[in-house]
Amino acid sequence: MQLQLTVIANVRQVRWLTDWVEQVGKQDDLVLDPRVWDLAEPIGAERSGDLVDATFELARVCSISGESLREDRSDATVVLLNGDTLPWARAVMDKLRPRGKPVALVARSVRPAALRALLSRGAQDFIPWDSRREELVLRLWKLAASGHAVRSVDAVP
C-alpha cells in the first residue's frame, strides 16, 4: 500500500519546504506532494521576486501545483507553519476542514495557544519541526494511513 501526503507551505517558506521534504527522504510506501499555497496572501508585483525564487527552489523536488486542492488525491495533508504565517495557516485550515482528510501541523516558533487554536480548526496533530527523521516518518505514515482508511471506507458503496 502506497500512502500519499500533500505538504503545504507559504511562499515565504519554500526553502524550508524543500529542506523538509528532503529530510523525510524517499520512502517506498510514502509519497510526498509538496505545494506552495499562497491563498491568503495574493502575490502582487512587490512579491513577484519571491515567487520566482520559490519556483527555482522548488524545481529541485516538486512543481508549484496551483492554489486549488480540488483534485488532490492524497490521504492526508501536512501544513508547515511558523509564527509569521499564522494568519495564512488559519485560512488554510478553514479551506482544508471541509475536505475531511487528516491534517498535521509542522510548527516552528509557534506558541502553544496558537497550536491549540489551529487544532481546534481541524488539525489532528502537530509535529515539532526539529523531530528526528525516524519519528517524523513514523508520524507521517500514521497520519497518511488514517486518511487512507477513511478514504477507503468512503469509497465502499
Protein backbone atom coordinates (compact mmCIF):
# COMPACT_ATOMS: atom_id res chain seq x y z
CA MET A 1 0.00 0.00 0.00
CA GLN A 2 1.43 3.36 -1.05
CA LEU A 3 0.29 6.36 1.02
CA GLN A 4 0.23 9.93 -0.27
CA LEU A 5 0.70 13.17 1.65
CA THR A 6 0.27 16.70 0.36
CA VAL A 7 2.73 19.07 2.07
CA ILE A 8 1.68 22.72 2.00
CA ALA A 9 3.79 25.78 2.76
CA ASN A 10 3.52 29.52 2.32
CA VAL A 11 5.57 31.04 -0.49
CA ARG A 12 7.91 32.58 2.11
CA GLN A 13 8.72 29.08 3.38
CA VAL A 14 9.84 27.47 0.14
CA ARG A 15 13.37 26.72 1.30
CA TRP A 16 12.02 25.14 4.46
CA LEU A 17 9.54 23.11 2.39
CA THR A 18 12.30 21.90 0.12
CA ASP A 19 14.64 21.04 3.01
CA TRP A 20 11.84 19.33 4.94
CA VAL A 21 10.86 17.12 2.00
CA GLU A 22 14.50 16.18 1.52
CA GLN A 23 14.83 15.43 5.25
CA VAL A 24 11.93 12.97 5.08
CA GLY A 25 13.59 11.43 2.04
CA LYS A 26 12.23 8.86 -0.36
CA GLN A 27 10.10 6.16 1.21
CA ASP A 28 8.76 3.13 -0.63
CA ASP A 29 5.32 3.38 0.95
CA LEU A 30 5.02 7.17 1.47
CA VAL A 31 4.83 9.72 -1.37
CA LEU A 32 5.08 13.44 -0.62
CA ASP A 33 3.48 16.05 -2.90
CA PRO A 34 4.96 19.43 -1.86
CA ARG A 35 2.97 22.54 -2.83
CA VAL A 36 3.23 26.27 -2.31
CA TRP A 37 -0.22 27.52 -1.41
CA ASP A 38 -0.48 31.28 -1.01
CA LEU A 39 -4.26 31.59 -0.89
CA ALA A 40 -4.46 34.08 1.97
CA GLU A 41 -1.86 36.47 0.62
CA PRO A 42 -2.29 37.27 -3.09
CA ILE A 43 1.04 37.64 -4.84
CA GLY A 44 1.41 41.22 -6.04
CA ALA A 45 4.13 42.84 -8.09
CA GLU A 46 6.15 43.58 -4.96
CA ARG A 47 6.31 39.86 -4.19
CA SER A 48 6.84 38.51 -7.71
CA GLY A 49 10.56 38.06 -6.96
CA ASP A 50 9.59 35.76 -4.07
CA LEU A 51 7.58 33.63 -6.46
CA VAL A 52 10.48 33.39 -8.93
CA ASP A 53 12.79 32.33 -6.08
CA ALA A 54 10.14 29.86 -4.89
CA THR A 55 9.76 28.32 -8.33
CA PHE A 56 13.51 27.95 -8.75
CA GLU A 57 13.96 26.40 -5.29
CA LEU A 58 11.01 24.04 -5.66
CA ALA A 59 12.21 22.78 -9.03
CA ARG A 60 14.64 20.57 -7.10
CA VAL A 61 11.85 18.48 -5.57
CA CYS A 62 8.46 19.44 -6.99
CA SER A 63 6.44 21.86 -9.03
CA ILE A 64 4.03 24.52 -7.89
CA SER A 65 0.65 22.84 -8.18
CA GLY A 66 -1.58 25.89 -8.15
CA GLU A 67 -3.88 27.25 -5.48
CA SER A 68 -6.56 24.57 -5.66
CA LEU A 69 -6.58 21.24 -3.89
CA ARG A 70 -9.82 20.12 -5.54
CA GLU A 71 -8.06 17.37 -7.47
CA ASP A 72 -5.82 16.37 -4.57
CA ARG A 73 -5.89 12.60 -4.16
CA SER A 74 -3.68 12.43 -1.10
CA ASP A 75 -4.54 10.52 2.04
CA ALA A 76 -3.64 13.42 4.36
CA THR A 77 -2.12 16.90 4.43
CA VAL A 78 0.84 18.39 6.28
CA VAL A 79 0.98 22.17 6.79
CA LEU A 80 4.34 23.81 7.51
CA LEU A 81 3.96 26.97 9.58
CA ASN A 82 5.79 29.35 11.84
CA GLY A 83 4.81 32.32 13.97
CA ASP A 84 4.92 34.68 10.97
CA THR A 85 2.43 32.64 8.94
CA LEU A 86 -0.34 32.10 11.50
CA PRO A 87 -2.99 34.14 9.61
CA TRP A 88 -2.16 32.13 6.47
CA ALA A 89 -2.32 28.87 8.45
CA ARG A 90 -5.77 29.76 9.83
CA ALA A 91 -7.04 30.44 6.30
CA VAL A 92 -5.51 27.17 5.06
CA MET A 93 -7.16 25.21 7.88
CA ASP A 94 -10.53 26.78 7.01
CA LYS A 95 -10.09 25.58 3.40
CA LEU A 96 -8.89 22.11 4.41
CA ARG A 97 -11.54 21.33 7.04
CA PRO A 98 -14.37 20.56 4.57
CA ARG A 99 -12.18 18.01 2.77
CA GLY A 100 -12.36 15.71 5.79
CA LYS A 101 -8.80 14.43 5.43
CA PRO A 102 -6.38 14.28 8.36
CA VAL A 103 -4.10 17.31 8.77
CA ALA A 104 -0.87 17.60 10.76
CA LEU A 105 0.93 20.83 11.51
CA VAL A 106 4.71 21.03 11.38
CA ALA A 107 5.33 24.00 13.63
CA ARG A 108 8.37 26.18 14.18
CA SER A 109 8.34 29.08 16.67
CA VAL A 110 4.62 28.78 17.37
CA ARG A 111 3.19 29.30 20.84
CA PRO A 112 1.06 26.55 22.42
CA ALA A 113 -2.09 28.73 22.37
CA ALA A 114 -1.74 29.24 18.61
CA LEU A 115 -1.26 25.50 18.08
CA ARG A 116 -4.36 24.75 20.17
CA ALA A 117 -6.34 27.23 18.07
CA LEU A 118 -5.23 25.50 14.85
CA LEU A 119 -6.00 22.09 16.31
CA SER A 120 -9.50 23.37 17.12
CA ARG A 121 -9.85 24.35 13.43
CA GLY A 122 -9.47 20.72 12.42
CA ALA A 123 -5.82 19.69 12.56
CA GLN A 124 -5.39 16.24 14.10
CA ASP A 125 -1.77 16.51 15.21
CA PHE A 126 1.28 18.71 15.34
CA ILE A 127 4.87 17.70 14.77
CA PRO A 128 7.82 19.73 16.09
CA TRP A 129 9.86 20.96 13.14
CA ASP A 130 13.08 19.54 14.58
CA SER A 131 11.83 15.97 15.06
CA ARG A 132 14.26 13.16 14.33
CA ARG A 133 13.81 11.68 10.87
CA GLU A 134 12.71 8.27 12.18
CA GLU A 135 9.99 9.79 14.37
CA LEU A 136 8.91 12.13 11.60
CA VAL A 137 8.50 9.33 9.05
CA LEU A 138 6.57 7.20 11.56
CA ARG A 139 4.16 10.04 12.40
CA LEU A 140 3.66 10.89 8.72
CA TRP A 141 2.96 7.26 7.90
CA LYS A 142 0.42 7.05 10.74
CA LEU A 143 -1.31 10.25 9.57
CA ALA A 144 -1.50 9.09 5.94
CA ALA A 145 -2.67 5.60 6.95
CA SER A 146 -5.55 7.08 8.97
CA GLY A 147 -6.57 9.16 5.96
CA HIS A 148 -6.24 6.17 3.64
CA ALA A 149 -8.56 4.17 5.89
CA VAL A 150 -11.15 6.97 5.80
CA ARG A 151 -10.80 7.31 2.02
CA SER A 152 -11.19 3.53 1.56
CA VAL A 153 -14.33 3.43 3.71
CA ASP A 154 -15.82 6.38 1.78
CA ALA A 155 -15.21 4.52 -1.49
CA VAL A 156 -17.22 1.46 -0.42
CA PRO A 157 -20.75 1.57 -1.94
